[in-house]
Amino acid sequence: MKHAFEPHQIKEIKALHDNILVSDMEFDTRITTGGIIIPNDNGTGKGIRPRWGQVYAIGSKQSVVQIGQWILVAHGRWTRGIDIEDTLGPKTIRKVDPKDILMVSNDKPQDETFSDAVHIDKKSF
């Protein structure tokens, strides 16, 4: 029996209308090069900031972005996500609000304000 929280094996996901589905959003605690800790925001009011996500699928009426592009989405304008596993491996897919896209990039953005140690949740203090 498969549990509901396990990744679902899929072959294809289609977005409807003008919807946008993204993957690769990061929610870990981050630390700036100056040492300021920005907490994660997993269901809290802390760590509020926009997030970059890679466009995974778009609906037929979506003309602003293309699959594979990176979009910056205003804080909280995405769903909590569903874990899936496709031919490229496991990932979390979220639906974002097309009206709250702040920027679009063809390449994965590099955030110059943060150090290399941006995932401090994975370290022990």
PDB file of N, CA and C in Angstrom:
ATOM      1  N   MET A   1       0.837  -1.183   0.000  1.00  0.00           N
ATOM      2  CA  MET A   1       0.000   0.000   0.000  1.00  0.00           C
ATOM      3  C   MET A   1       0.879   1.243   0.000  1.00  0.00           C
ATOM      4  N   LYS A   2       0.573   2.209  -0.834  1.00  0.00           N
ATOM      5  CA  LYS A   2       1.324   3.446  -0.925  1.00  0.00           C
ATOM      6  C   LYS A   2       0.717   4.482   0.017  1.00  0.00           C
ATOM      7  N   HIS A   3       1.578   5.139   0.801  1.00  0.00           N
ATOM      8  CA  HIS A   3       1.112   6.172   1.716  1.00  0.00           C
ATOM      9  C   HIS A   3       0.924   7.491   0.970  1.00  0.00           C
ATOM     10  N   ALA A   4       0.025   8.324   1.450  1.00  0.00           N
ATOM     11  CA  ALA A   4      -0.300   9.593   0.788  1.00  0.00           C
ATOM     12  C   ALA A   4       0.882  10.547   0.740  1.00  0.00           C
ATOM     13  N   PHE A   5       1.802  10.451   1.699  1.00  0.00           N
ATOM     14  CA  PHE A   5       2.908  11.400   1.752  1.00  0.00           C
ATOM     15  C   PHE A   5       4.114  10.966   0.930  1.00  0.00           C
ATOM     16  N   GLU A   6       4.083   9.786   0.350  1.00  0.00           N
ATOM     17  CA  GLU A   6       5.172   9.340  -0.518  1.00  0.00           C
ATOM     18  C   GLU A   6       5.067  10.028  -1.880  1.00  0.00           C
ATOM     19  N   PRO A   7       6.223  10.244  -2.551  1.00  0.00           N
ATOM     20  CA  PRO A   7       6.148  10.842  -3.891  1.00  0.00           C
ATOM     21  C   PRO A   7       5.310   9.988  -4.841  1.00  0.00           C
ATOM     22  N   HIS A   8       4.506  10.637  -5.636  1.00  0.00           N
ATOM     23  CA  HIS A   8       3.672   9.950  -6.609  1.00  0.00           C
ATOM     24  C   HIS A   8       4.458   9.786  -7.903  1.00  0.00           C
ATOM     25  N   GLN A   9       4.484   8.581  -8.460  1.00  0.00           N
ATOM     26  CA  GLN A   9       5.134   8.335  -9.741  1.00  0.00           C
ATOM     27  C   GLN A   9       4.248   8.903 -10.845  1.00  0.00           C
ATOM     28  N   ILE A  10       4.804   9.758 -11.674  1.00  0.00           N
ATOM     29  CA  ILE A  10       4.029  10.356 -12.756  1.00  0.00           C
ATOM     30  C   ILE A  10       4.823  10.305 -14.059  1.00  0.00           C
ATOM     31  N   LYS A  11       4.125  10.399 -15.154  1.00  0.00           N
ATOM     32  CA  LYS A  11       4.778  10.511 -16.455  1.00  0.00           C
ATOM     33  C   LYS A  11       4.660  11.932 -16.984  1.00  0.00           C
ATOM     34  N   GLU A  12       3.538  12.589 -16.672  1.00  0.00           N
ATOM     35  CA  GLU A  12       3.319  13.928 -17.207  1.00  0.00           C
ATOM     36  C   GLU A  12       2.309  14.667 -16.335  1.00  0.00           C
ATOM     37  N   ILE A  13       2.578  15.945 -16.122  1.00  0.00           N
ATOM     38  CA  ILE A  13       1.626  16.826 -15.441  1.00  0.00           C
ATOM     39  C   ILE A  13       1.330  17.970 -16.394  1.00  0.00           C
ATOM     40  N   LYS A  14       0.067  18.292 -16.554  1.00  0.00           N
ATOM     41  CA  LYS A  14      -0.333  19.419 -17.390  1.00  0.00           C
ATOM     42  C   LYS A  14      -0.977  20.483 -16.512  1.00  0.00           C
ATOM     43  N   ALA A  15      -0.572  21.710 -16.719  1.00  0.00           N
ATOM     44  CA  ALA A  15      -1.217  22.834 -16.057  1.00  0.00           C
ATOM     45  C   ALA A  15      -2.397  23.271 -16.922  1.00  0.00           C
ATOM     46  N   LEU A  16      -3.444  23.750 -16.301  1.00  0.00           N
ATOM     47  CA  LEU A  16      -4.632  24.185 -17.029  1.00  0.00           C
ATOM     48  C   LEU A  16      -4.687  25.700 -17.143  1.00  0.00           C
ATOM     49  N   HIS A  17      -5.347  26.191 -18.173  1.00  0.00           N
ATOM     50  CA  HIS A  17      -5.632  27.615 -18.403  1.00  0.00           C
ATOM     51  C   HIS A  17      -4.339  28.439 -18.354  1.00  0.00           C
ATOM     52  N   ASP A  18      -4.250  29.423 -17.423  1.00  0.00           N
ATOM     53  CA  ASP A  18      -3.052  30.251 -17.338  1.00  0.00           C
ATOM     54  C   ASP A  18      -2.201  29.874 -16.127  1.00  0.00           C
ATOM     55  N   ASN A  19      -2.406  28.677 -15.581  1.00  0.00           N
ATOM     56  CA  ASN A  19      -1.679  28.249 -14.391  1.00  0.00           C
ATOM     57  C   ASN A  19      -0.212  27.979 -14.687  1.00  0.00           C
ATOM     58  N   ILE A  20       0.605  28.129 -13.629  1.00  0.00           N
ATOM     59  CA  ILE A  20       2.045  27.885 -13.708  1.00  0.00           C
ATOM     60  C   ILE A  20       2.419  26.950 -12.567  1.00  0.00           C
ATOM     61  N   LEU A  21       3.123  25.866 -12.889  1.00  0.00           N
ATOM     62  CA  LEU A  21       3.644  24.954 -11.887  1.00  0.00           C
ATOM     63  C   LEU A  21       5.155  25.107 -11.850  1.00  0.00           C
ATOM     64  N   VAL A  22       5.730  25.162 -10.640  1.00  0.00           N
ATOM     65  CA  VAL A  22       7.176  25.325 -10.491  1.00  0.00           C
ATOM     66  C   VAL A  22       7.745  24.223  -9.606  1.00  0.00           C
ATOM     67  N   SER A  23       9.045  24.033  -9.729  1.00  0.00           N
ATOM     68  CA  SER A  23       9.789  23.131  -8.855  1.00  0.00           C
ATOM     69  C   SER A  23      11.030  23.880  -8.383  1.00  0.00           C
ATOM     70  N   ASP A  24      11.818  23.240  -7.555  1.00  0.00           N
ATOM     71  CA  ASP A  24      13.122  23.761  -7.112  1.00  0.00           C
ATOM     72  C   ASP A  24      13.044  25.056  -6.311  1.00  0.00           C
ATOM     73  N   MET A  25      11.988  25.267  -5.537  1.00  0.00           N
ATOM     74  CA  MET A  25      11.955  26.404  -4.613  1.00  0.00           C
ATOM     75  C   MET A  25      12.677  25.988  -3.336  1.00  0.00           C
ATOM     76  N   GLU A  26      13.486  26.895  -2.780  1.00  0.00           N
ATOM     77  CA  GLU A  26      14.248  26.577  -1.575  1.00  0.00           C
ATOM     78  C   GLU A  26      13.643  27.293  -0.375  1.00  0.00           C
ATOM     79  N   PHE A  27      13.524  26.552   0.726  1.00  0.00           N
ATOM     80  CA  PHE A  27      12.910  27.094   1.936  1.00  0.00           C
ATOM     81  C   PHE A  27      13.803  26.951   3.164  1.00  0.00           C
ATOM     82  N   ASP A  28      15.054  26.567   2.998  1.00  0.00           N
ATOM     83  CA  ASP A  28      15.952  26.386   4.131  1.00  0.00           C
ATOM     84  C   ASP A  28      16.309  27.722   4.764  1.00  0.00           C
ATOM     85  N   THR A  29      16.750  27.667   6.019  1.00  0.00           N
ATOM     86  CA  THR A  29      17.294  28.841   6.683  1.00  0.00           C
ATOM     87  C   THR A  29      18.540  29.272   5.932  1.00  0.00           C
ATOM     88  N   ARG A  30      18.737  30.589   5.818  1.00  0.00           N
ATOM     89  CA  ARG A  30      19.887  31.108   5.076  1.00  0.00           C
ATOM     90  C   ARG A  30      20.675  32.061   5.950  1.00  0.00           C
ATOM     91  N   ILE A  31      21.928  32.253   5.599  1.00  0.00           N
ATOM     92  CA  ILE A  31      22.781  33.188   6.324  1.00  0.00           C
ATOM     93  C   ILE A  31      23.452  34.116   5.315  1.00  0.00           C
ATOM     94  N   THR A  32      23.411  35.420   5.587  1.00  0.00           N
ATOM     95  CA  THR A  32      24.015  36.382   4.672  1.00  0.00           C
ATOM     96  C   THR A  32      25.520  36.380   4.858  1.00  0.00           C
ATOM     97  N   THR A  33      26.245  37.012   3.927  1.00  0.00           N
ATOM     98  CA  THR A  33      27.696  37.089   4.055  1.00  0.00           C
ATOM     99  C   THR A  33      28.084  37.887   5.292  1.00  0.00           C
ATOM    100  N   GLY A  34      27.206  38.751   5.783  1.00  0.00           N
ATOM    101  CA  GLY A  34      27.462  39.520   6.998  1.00  0.00           C
ATOM    102  C   GLY A  34      27.095  38.770   8.269  1.00  0.00           C
ATOM    103  N   GLY A  35      26.562  37.551   8.147  1.00  0.00           N
ATOM    104  CA  GLY A  35      26.255  36.736   9.312  1.00  0.00           C
ATOM    105  C   GLY A  35      24.826  36.829   9.816  1.00  0.00           C
ATOM    106  N   ILE A  36      23.958  37.519   9.101  1.00  0.00           N
ATOM    107  CA  ILE A  36      22.561  37.620   9.518  1.00  0.00           C
ATOM    108  C   ILE A  36      21.832  36.339   9.133  1.00  0.00           C
ATOM    109  N   ILE A  37      21.145  35.738  10.100  1.00  0.00           N
ATOM    110  CA  ILE A  37      20.409  34.502   9.850  1.00  0.00           C
ATOM    111  C   ILE A  37      18.982  34.845   9.448  1.00  0.00           C
ATOM    112  N   ILE A  38      18.557  34.327   8.307  1.00  0.00           N
ATOM    113  CA  ILE A  38      17.182  34.494   7.833  1.00  0.00           C
ATOM    114  C   ILE A  38      16.513  33.138   7.974  1.00  0.00           C
ATOM    115  N   PRO A  39      15.583  33.008   8.949  1.00  0.00           N
ATOM    116  CA  PRO A  39      14.978  31.693   9.197  1.00  0.00           C
ATOM    117  C   PRO A  39      14.145  31.204   8.020  1.00  0.00           C
ATOM    118  N   ASN A  40      13.898  29.882   7.991  1.00  0.00           N
ATOM    119  CA  ASN A  40      12.992  29.366   6.969  1.00  0.00           C
ATOM    120  C   ASN A  40      11.586  29.813   7.324  1.00  0.00           C
ATOM    121  N   ASP A  41      10.664  29.650   6.420  1.00  0.00           N
ATOM    122  CA  ASP A  41       9.305  30.146   6.671  1.00  0.00           C
ATOM    123  C   ASP A  41       8.279  29.040   6.523  1.00  0.00           C
ATOM    124  N   ASN A  42       8.624  27.870   6.951  1.00  0.00           N
ATOM    125  CA  ASN A  42       7.731  26.727   6.797  1.00  0.00           C
ATOM    126  C   ASN A  42       6.500  26.894   7.683  1.00  0.00           C
ATOM    127  N   GLY A  43       5.504  27.620   7.176  1.00  0.00           N
ATOM    128  CA  GLY A  43       4.259  27.824   7.905  1.00  0.00           C
ATOM    129  C   GLY A  43       4.327  28.866   8.993  1.00  0.00           C
ATOM    130  N   THR A  44       5.353  29.732   8.972  1.00  0.00           N
ATOM    131  CA  THR A  44       5.473  30.759  10.001  1.00  0.00           C
ATOM    132  C   THR A  44       5.563  32.131   9.354  1.00  0.00           C
ATOM    133  N   GLY A  45       5.609  33.154  10.172  1.00  0.00           N
ATOM    134  CA  GLY A  45       5.763  34.516   9.678  1.00  0.00           C
ATOM    135  C   GLY A  45       7.214  34.933   9.584  1.00  0.00           C
ATOM    136  N   LYS A  46       8.147  34.056  10.008  1.00  0.00           N
ATOM    137  CA  LYS A  46       9.570  34.375   9.949  1.00  0.00           C
ATOM    138  C   LYS A  46      10.128  34.034   8.576  1.00  0.00           C
ATOM    139  N   GLY A  47      11.189  34.706   8.183  1.00  0.00           N
ATOM    140  CA  GLY A  47      11.873  34.372   6.935  1.00  0.00           C
ATOM    141  C   GLY A  47      11.101  34.768   5.694  1.00  0.00           C
ATOM    142  N   ILE A  48      10.251  35.779   5.813  1.00  0.00           N
ATOM    143  CA  ILE A  48       9.407  36.179   4.684  1.00  0.00           C
ATOM    144  C   ILE A  48      10.259  36.820   3.598  1.00  0.00           C
ATOM    145  N   ARG A  49      10.199  36.248   2.414  1.00  0.00           N
ATOM    146  CA  ARG A  49      10.907  36.804   1.257  1.00  0.00           C
ATOM    147  C   ARG A  49      10.392  36.113  -0.006  1.00  0.00           C
ATOM    148  N   PRO A  50      10.544  36.745  -1.154  1.00  0.00           N
ATOM    149  CA  PRO A  50      10.156  36.084  -2.408  1.00  0.00           C
ATOM    150  C   PRO A  50      11.051  34.877  -2.660  1.00  0.00           C
ATOM    151  N   ARG A  51      10.594  33.964  -3.500  1.00  0.00           N
ATOM    152  CA  ARG A  51      11.347  32.756  -3.816  1.00  0.00           C
ATOM    153  C   ARG A  51      11.453  32.572  -5.329  1.00  0.00           C
ATOM    154  N   TRP A  52      12.594  32.030  -5.759  1.00  0.00           N
ATOM    155  CA  TRP A  52      12.779  31.638  -7.145  1.00  0.00           C
ATOM    156  C   TRP A  52      12.302  30.205  -7.305  1.00  0.00           C
ATOM    157  N   GLY A  53      11.684  29.908  -8.430  1.00  0.00           N
ATOM    158  CA  GLY A  53      11.282  28.550  -8.767  1.00  0.00           C
ATOM    159  C   GLY A  53      11.436  28.344 -10.261  1.00  0.00           C
ATOM    160  N   GLN A  54      11.714  27.122 -10.654  1.00  0.00           N
ATOM    161  CA  GLN A  54      11.862  26.812 -12.079  1.00  0.00           C
ATOM    162  C   GLN A  54      10.514  26.349 -12.620  1.00  0.00           C
ATOM    163  N   VAL A  55      10.113  26.924 -13.751  1.00  0.00           N
ATOM    164  CA  VAL A  55       8.826  26.595 -14.349  1.00  0.00           C
ATOM    165  C   VAL A  55       8.851  25.142 -14.816  1.00  0.00           C
ATOM    166  N   TYR A  56       7.923  24.355 -14.286  1.00  0.00           N
ATOM    167  CA  TYR A  56       7.832  22.929 -14.589  1.00  0.00           C
ATOM    168  C   TYR A  56       6.785  22.659 -15.671  1.00  0.00           C
ATOM    169  N   ALA A  57       5.660  23.379 -15.599  1.00  0.00           N
ATOM    170  CA  ALA A  57       4.583  23.214 -16.590  1.00  0.00           C
ATOM    171  C   ALA A  57       3.770  24.507 -16.640  1.00  0.00           C
ATOM    172  N   ILE A  58       3.191  24.798 -17.808  1.00  0.00           N
ATOM    173  CA  ILE A  58       2.335  25.976 -17.969  1.00  0.00           C
ATOM    174  C   ILE A  58       1.047  25.576 -18.677  1.00  0.00           C
ATOM    175  N   GLY A  59      -0.006  26.339 -18.411  1.00  0.00           N
ATOM    176  CA  GLY A  59      -1.270  26.112 -19.076  1.00  0.00           C
ATOM    177  C   GLY A  59      -1.271  26.688 -20.483  1.00  0.00           C
ATOM    178  N   SER A  60      -2.247  26.295 -21.272  1.00  0.00           N
ATOM    179  CA  SER A  60      -2.303  26.707 -22.681  1.00  0.00           C
ATOM    180  C   SER A  60      -2.539  28.202 -22.861  1.00  0.00           C
ATOM    181  N   LYS A  61      -3.094  28.880 -21.861  1.00  0.00           N
ATOM    182  CA  LYS A  61      -3.345  30.322 -21.967  1.00  0.00           C
ATOM    183  C   LYS A  61      -2.239  31.156 -21.329  1.00  0.00           C
ATOM    184  N   GLN A  62      -1.153  30.537 -20.937  1.00  0.00           N
ATOM    185  CA  GLN A  62      -0.040  31.248 -20.308  1.00  0.00           C
ATOM    186  C   GLN A  62       0.939  31.697 -21.377  1.00  0.00           C
ATOM    187  N   SER A  63       1.177  33.018 -21.459  1.00  0.00           N
ATOM    188  CA  SER A  63       2.075  33.538 -22.492  1.00  0.00           C
ATOM    189  C   SER A  63       3.241  34.337 -21.909  1.00  0.00           C
ATOM    190  N   VAL A  64       3.306  34.454 -20.594  1.00  0.00           N
ATOM    191  CA  VAL A  64       4.346  35.266 -19.966  1.00  0.00           C
ATOM    192  C   VAL A  64       5.637  34.486 -19.766  1.00  0.00           C
ATOM    193  N   VAL A  65       5.537  33.214 -19.388  1.00  0.00           N
ATOM    194  CA  VAL A  65       6.721  32.411 -19.094  1.00  0.00           C
ATOM    195  C   VAL A  65       6.732  31.140 -19.933  1.00  0.00           C
ATOM    196  N   GLN A  66       7.902  30.504 -19.969  1.00  0.00           N
ATOM    197  CA  GLN A  66       8.063  29.249 -20.695  1.00  0.00           C
ATOM    198  C   GLN A  66       8.639  28.193 -19.754  1.00  0.00           C
ATOM    199  N   ILE A  67       8.406  26.940 -20.067  1.00  0.00           N
ATOM    200  CA  ILE A  67       8.945  25.843 -19.272  1.00  0.00           C
ATOM    201  C   ILE A  67      10.467  25.934 -19.258  1.00  0.00           C
ATOM    202  N   GLY A  68      11.052  25.765 -18.078  1.00  0.00           N
ATOM    203  CA  GLY A  68      12.503  25.828 -17.919  1.00  0.00           C
ATOM    204  C   GLY A  68      13.001  27.165 -17.422  1.00  0.00           C
ATOM    205  N   GLN A  69      12.226  28.236 -17.572  1.00  0.00           N
ATOM    206  CA  GLN A  69      12.640  29.538 -17.074  1.00  0.00           C
ATOM    207  C   GLN A  69      12.547  29.556 -15.544  1.00  0.00           C
ATOM    208  N   TRP A  70      13.224  30.511 -14.935  1.00  0.00           N
ATOM    209  CA  TRP A  70      13.164  30.730 -13.495  1.00  0.00           C
ATOM    210  C   TRP A  70      12.324  31.967 -13.230  1.00  0.00           C
ATOM    211  N   ILE A  71      11.421  31.893 -12.239  1.00  0.00           N
ATOM    212  CA  ILE A  71      10.590  33.043 -11.910  1.00  0.00           C
ATOM    213  C   ILE A  71      10.713  33.358 -10.421  1.00  0.00           C
ATOM    214  N   LEU A  72      10.710  34.647 -10.115  1.00  0.00           N
ATOM    215  CA  LEU A  72      10.709  35.111  -8.728  1.00  0.00           C
ATOM    216  C   LEU A  72       9.268  35.412  -8.367  1.00  0.00           C
ATOM    217  N   VAL A  73       8.770  34.747  -7.325  1.00  0.00           N
ATOM    218  CA  VAL A  73       7.366  34.840  -6.936  1.00  0.00           C
ATOM    219  C   VAL A  73       7.273  35.541  -5.590  1.00  0.00           C
ATOM    220  N   ALA A  74       6.357  36.502  -5.467  1.00  0.00           N
ATOM    221  CA  ALA A  74       6.141  37.211  -4.212  1.00  0.00           C
ATOM    222  C   ALA A  74       5.852  36.220  -3.089  1.00  0.00           C
ATOM    223  N   HIS A  75       6.283  36.556  -1.890  1.00  0.00           N
ATOM    224  CA  HIS A  75       6.163  35.640  -0.753  1.00  0.00           C
ATOM    225  C   HIS A  75       4.734  35.139  -0.551  1.00  0.00           C
ATOM    226  N   GLY A  76       4.617  33.831  -0.399  1.00  0.00           N
ATOM    227  CA  GLY A  76       3.349  33.209  -0.063  1.00  0.00           C
ATOM    228  C   GLY A  76       2.377  33.042  -1.208  1.00  0.00           C
ATOM    229  N   ARG A  77       2.777  33.379  -2.419  1.00  0.00           N
ATOM    230  CA  ARG A  77       1.868  33.291  -3.561  1.00  0.00           C
ATOM    231  C   ARG A  77       2.073  31.981  -4.302  1.00  0.00           C
ATOM    232  N   TRP A  78       2.221  30.888  -3.528  1.00  0.00           N
ATOM    233  CA  TRP A  78       2.365  29.546  -4.068  1.00  0.00           C
ATOM    234  C   TRP A  78       1.664  28.575  -3.126  1.00  0.00           C
ATOM    235  N   THR A  79       1.348  27.395  -3.647  1.00  0.00           N
ATOM    236  CA  THR A  79       0.730  26.370  -2.806  1.00  0.00           C
ATOM    237  C   THR A  79       1.813  25.652  -2.010  1.00  0.00           C
ATOM    238  N   ARG A  80       1.412  24.860  -1.054  1.00  0.00           N
ATOM    239  CA  ARG A  80       2.369  24.130  -0.221  1.00  0.00           C
ATOM    240  C   ARG A  80       3.101  23.057  -1.013  1.00  0.00           C
ATOM    241  N   GLY A  81       2.545  22.543  -2.053  1.00  0.00           N
ATOM    242  CA  GLY A  81       3.264  21.631  -2.926  1.00  0.00           C
ATOM    243  C   GLY A  81       2.884  20.173  -2.759  1.00  0.00           C
ATOM    244  N   ILE A  82       3.220  19.410  -3.766  1.00  0.00           N
ATOM    245  CA  ILE A  82       3.005  17.970  -3.771  1.00  0.00           C
ATOM    246  C   ILE A  82       4.304  17.311  -4.225  1.00  0.00           C
ATOM    247  N   ASP A  83       4.698  16.246  -3.546  1.00  0.00           N
ATOM    248  CA  ASP A  83       5.911  15.519  -3.907  1.00  0.00           C
ATOM    249  C   ASP A  83       5.597  14.537  -5.021  1.00  0.00           C
ATOM    250  N   ILE A  84       6.389  14.620  -6.070  1.00  0.00           N
ATOM    251  CA  ILE A  84       6.224  13.700  -7.202  1.00  0.00           C
ATOM    252  C   ILE A  84       7.571  13.104  -7.549  1.00  0.00           C
ATOM    253  N   GLU A  85       7.558  12.076  -8.355  1.00  0.00           N
ATOM    254  CA  GLU A  85       8.785  11.511  -8.900  1.00  0.00           C
ATOM    255  C   GLU A  85       8.545  11.262 -10.381  1.00  0.00           C
ATOM    256  N   ASP A  86       9.335  11.967 -11.215  1.00  0.00           N
ATOM    257  CA  ASP A  86       9.218  11.779 -12.657  1.00  0.00           C
ATOM    258  C   ASP A  86      10.508  11.149 -13.172  1.00  0.00           C
ATOM    259  N   THR A  87      10.736  11.214 -14.464  1.00  0.00           N
ATOM    260  CA  THR A  87      11.921  10.582 -15.046  1.00  0.00           C
ATOM    261  C   THR A  87      13.224  11.232 -14.573  1.00  0.00           C
ATOM    262  N   LEU A  88      13.160  12.466 -14.079  1.00  0.00           N
ATOM    263  CA  LEU A  88      14.355  13.167 -13.588  1.00  0.00           C
ATOM    264  C   LEU A  88      14.575  12.980 -12.095  1.00  0.00           C
ATOM    265  N   GLY A  89      13.654  12.314 -11.414  1.00  0.00           N
ATOM    266  CA  GLY A  89      13.810  12.071  -9.987  1.00  0.00           C
ATOM    267  C   GLY A  89      12.743  12.760  -9.163  1.00  0.00           C
ATOM    268  N   PRO A  90      12.862  12.690  -7.825  1.00  0.00           N
ATOM    269  CA  PRO A  90      11.849  13.288  -6.951  1.00  0.00           C
ATOM    270  C   PRO A  90      11.948  14.815  -6.922  1.00  0.00           C
ATOM    271  N   LYS A  91      10.798  15.465  -6.777  1.00  0.00           N
ATOM    272  CA  LYS A  91      10.748  16.931  -6.659  1.00  0.00           C
ATOM    273  C   LYS A  91       9.413  17.336  -6.063  1.00  0.00           C
ATOM    274  N   THR A  92       9.354  18.564  -5.608  1.00  0.00           N
ATOM    275  CA  THR A  92       8.112  19.124  -5.080  1.00  0.00           C
ATOM    276  C   THR A  92       7.594  20.137  -6.089  1.00  0.00           C
ATOM    277  N   ILE A  93       6.336  19.983  -6.484  1.00  0.00           N
ATOM    278  CA  ILE A  93       5.698  20.867  -7.464  1.00  0.00           C
ATOM    279  C   ILE A  93       4.725  21.780  -6.728  1.00  0.00           C
ATOM    280  N   ARG A  94       4.763  23.069  -7.065  1.00  0.00           N
ATOM    281  CA  ARG A  94       3.855  24.051  -6.480  1.00  0.00           C
ATOM    282  C   ARG A  94       3.190  24.866  -7.583  1.00  0.00           C
ATOM    283  N   LYS A  95       1.953  25.256  -7.355  1.00  0.00           N
ATOM    284  CA  LYS A  95       1.251  26.171  -8.260  1.00  0.00           C
ATOM    285  C   LYS A  95       1.503  27.573  -7.750  1.00  0.00           C
ATOM    286  N   VAL A  96       1.872  28.480  -8.645  1.00  0.00           N
ATOM    287  CA  VAL A  96       2.099  29.871  -8.260  1.00  0.00           C
ATOM    288  C   VAL A  96       1.040  30.762  -8.883  1.00  0.00           C
ATOM    289  N   ASP A  97       0.838  31.912  -8.285  1.00  0.00           N
ATOM    290  CA  ASP A  97      -0.122  32.882  -8.792  1.00  0.00           C
ATOM    291  C   ASP A  97       0.546  33.693  -9.899  1.00  0.00           C
ATOM    292  N   PRO A  98       0.067  33.605 -11.142  1.00  0.00           N
ATOM    293  CA  PRO A  98       0.706  34.323 -12.251  1.00  0.00           C
ATOM    294  C   PRO A  98       0.763  35.835 -12.053  1.00  0.00           C
ATOM    295  N   LYS A  99      -0.159  36.387 -11.272  1.00  0.00           N
ATOM    296  CA  LYS A  99      -0.174  37.831 -11.045  1.00  0.00           C
ATOM    297  C   LYS A  99       0.942  38.288 -10.106  1.00  0.00           C
ATOM    298  N   ASP A 100       1.576  37.362  -9.413  1.00  0.00           N
ATOM    299  CA  ASP A 100       2.594  37.719  -8.428  1.00  0.00           C
ATOM    300  C   ASP A 100       4.007  37.319  -8.844  1.00  0.00           C
ATOM    301  N   ILE A 101       4.243  37.215 -10.143  1.00  0.00           N
ATOM    302  CA  ILE A 101       5.594  36.986 -10.650  1.00  0.00           C
ATOM    303  C   ILE A 101       6.312  38.325 -10.670  1.00  0.00           C
ATOM    304  N   LEU A 102       7.453  38.404  -9.992  1.00  0.00           N
ATOM    305  CA  LEU A 102       8.197  39.658  -9.899  1.00  0.00           C
ATOM    306  C   LEU A 102       9.274  39.783 -10.975  1.00  0.00           C
ATOM    307  N   MET A 103       9.910  38.657 -11.331  1.00  0.00           N
ATOM    308  CA  MET A 103      10.969  38.659 -12.337  1.00  0.00           C
ATOM    309  C   MET A 103      10.999  37.312 -13.051  1.00  0.00           C
ATOM    310  N   VAL A 104      11.599  37.304 -14.244  1.00  0.00           N
ATOM    311  CA  VAL A 104      11.774  36.082 -15.027  1.00  0.00           C
ATOM    312  C   VAL A 104      13.227  36.030 -15.486  1.00  0.00           C
ATOM    313  N   SER A 105      13.827  34.843 -15.430  1.00  0.00           N
ATOM    314  CA  SER A 105      15.204  34.663 -15.877  1.00  0.00           C
ATOM    315  C   SER A 105      15.311  33.363 -16.668  1.00  0.00           C
ATOM    316  N   ASN A 106      16.128  33.368 -17.705  1.00  0.00           N
ATOM    317  CA  ASN A 106      16.369  32.146 -18.467  1.00  0.00           C
ATOM    318  C   ASN A 106      17.395  31.249 -17.784  1.00  0.00           C
ATOM    319  N   ASP A 107      18.213  31.827 -16.899  1.00  0.00           N
ATOM    320  CA  ASP A 107      19.237  31.079 -16.181  1.00  0.00           C
ATOM    321  C   ASP A 107      18.918  31.062 -14.691  1.00  0.00           C
ATOM    322  N   LYS A 108      19.422  30.046 -13.986  1.00  0.00           N
ATOM    323  CA  LYS A 108      19.202  29.983 -12.541  1.00  0.00           C
ATOM    324  C   LYS A 108      19.866  31.193 -11.894  1.00  0.00           C
ATOM    325  N   PRO A 109      19.098  32.007 -11.175  1.00  0.00           N
ATOM    326  CA  PRO A 109      19.649  33.227 -10.577  1.00  0.00           C
ATOM    327  C   PRO A 109      20.652  32.920  -9.474  1.00  0.00           C
ATOM    328  N   GLN A 110      21.670  33.746  -9.397  1.00  0.00           N
ATOM    329  CA  GLN A 110      22.647  33.678  -8.317  1.00  0.00           C
ATOM    330  C   GLN A 110      22.376  34.847  -7.378  1.00  0.00           C
ATOM    331  N   ASP A 111      22.115  34.546  -6.128  1.00  0.00           N
ATOM    332  CA  ASP A 111      21.842  35.596  -5.147  1.00  0.00           C
ATOM    333  C   ASP A 111      23.168  36.040  -4.546  1.00  0.00           C
ATOM    334  N   GLU A 112      23.660  37.173  -4.990  1.00  0.00           N
ATOM    335  CA  GLU A 112      24.985  37.662  -4.596  1.00  0.00           C
ATOM    336  C   GLU A 112      25.039  38.140  -3.151  1.00  0.00           C
ATOM    337  N   THR A 113      23.892  38.310  -2.492  1.00  0.00           N
ATOM    338  CA  THR A 113      23.896  38.825  -1.122  1.00  0.00           C
ATOM    339  C   THR A 113      24.129  37.741  -0.088  1.00  0.00           C
ATOM    340  N   PHE A 114      24.190  36.479  -0.504  1.00  0.00           N
ATOM    341  CA  PHE A 114      24.323  35.388   0.444  1.00  0.00           C
ATOM    342  C   PHE A 114      25.640  34.656   0.264  1.00  0.00           C
ATOM    343  N   SER A 115      26.136  34.119   1.364  1.00  0.00           N
ATOM    344  CA  SER A 115      27.385  33.367   1.335  1.00  0.00           C
ATOM    345  C   SER A 115      27.162  31.985   0.740  1.00  0.00           C
ATOM    346  N   ASP A 116      28.218  31.213   0.653  1.00  0.00           N
ATOM    347  CA  ASP A 116      28.104  29.842   0.175  1.00  0.00           C
ATOM    348  C   ASP A 116      27.368  28.957   1.178  1.00  0.00           C
ATOM    349  N   ALA A 117      27.308  29.377   2.434  1.00  0.00           N
ATOM    350  CA  ALA A 117      26.677  28.576   3.497  1.00  0.00           C
ATOM    351  C   ALA A 117      25.217  28.992   3.673  1.00  0.00           C
ATOM    352  N   VAL A 118      24.416  28.828   2.614  1.00  0.00           N
ATOM    353  CA  VAL A 118      23.033  29.296   2.690  1.00  0.00           C
ATOM    354  C   VAL A 118      22.093  28.277   3.300  1.00  0.00           C
ATOM    355  N   HIS A 119      22.488  27.039   3.431  1.00  0.00           N
ATOM    356  CA  HIS A 119      21.599  26.011   3.957  1.00  0.00           C
ATOM    357  C   HIS A 119      22.044  25.607   5.351  1.00  0.00           C
ATOM    358  N   ILE A 120      21.878  26.498   6.310  1.00  0.00           N
ATOM    359  CA  ILE A 120      22.395  26.216   7.646  1.00  0.00           C
ATOM    360  C   ILE A 120      21.552  25.213   8.402  1.00  0.00           C
ATOM    361  N   ASP A 121      20.343  24.879   7.935  1.00  0.00           N
ATOM    362  CA  ASP A 121      19.543  23.839   8.587  1.00  0.00           C
ATOM    363  C   ASP A 121      20.265  22.497   8.556  1.00  0.00           C
ATOM    364  N   LYS A 122      21.120  22.300   7.582  1.00  0.00           N
ATOM    365  CA  LYS A 122      21.798  21.025   7.411  1.00  0.00           C
ATOM    366  C   LYS A 122      23.069  20.940   8.245  1.00  0.00           C
ATOM    367  N   LYS A 123      23.417  22.029   8.938  1.00  0.00           N
ATOM    368  CA  LYS A 123      24.605  22.033   9.787  1.00  0.00           C
ATOM    369  C   LYS A 123      24.179  21.937  11.236  1.00  0.00           C
ATOM    370  N   SER A 124      25.073  21.466  12.076  1.00  0.00           N
ATOM    371  CA  SER A 124      24.775  21.454  13.515  1.00  0.00           C
ATOM    372  C   SER A 124      25.556  22.576  14.173  1.00  0.00           C
ATOM    373  N   PHE A 125      24.943  23.220  15.143  1.00  0.00           N
ATOM    374  CA  PHE A 125      25.583  24.328  15.843  1.00  0.00           C
ATOM    375  C   PHE A 125      26.200  23.865  17.122  1.00  0.00           C
TER     376      PHE A 125
END
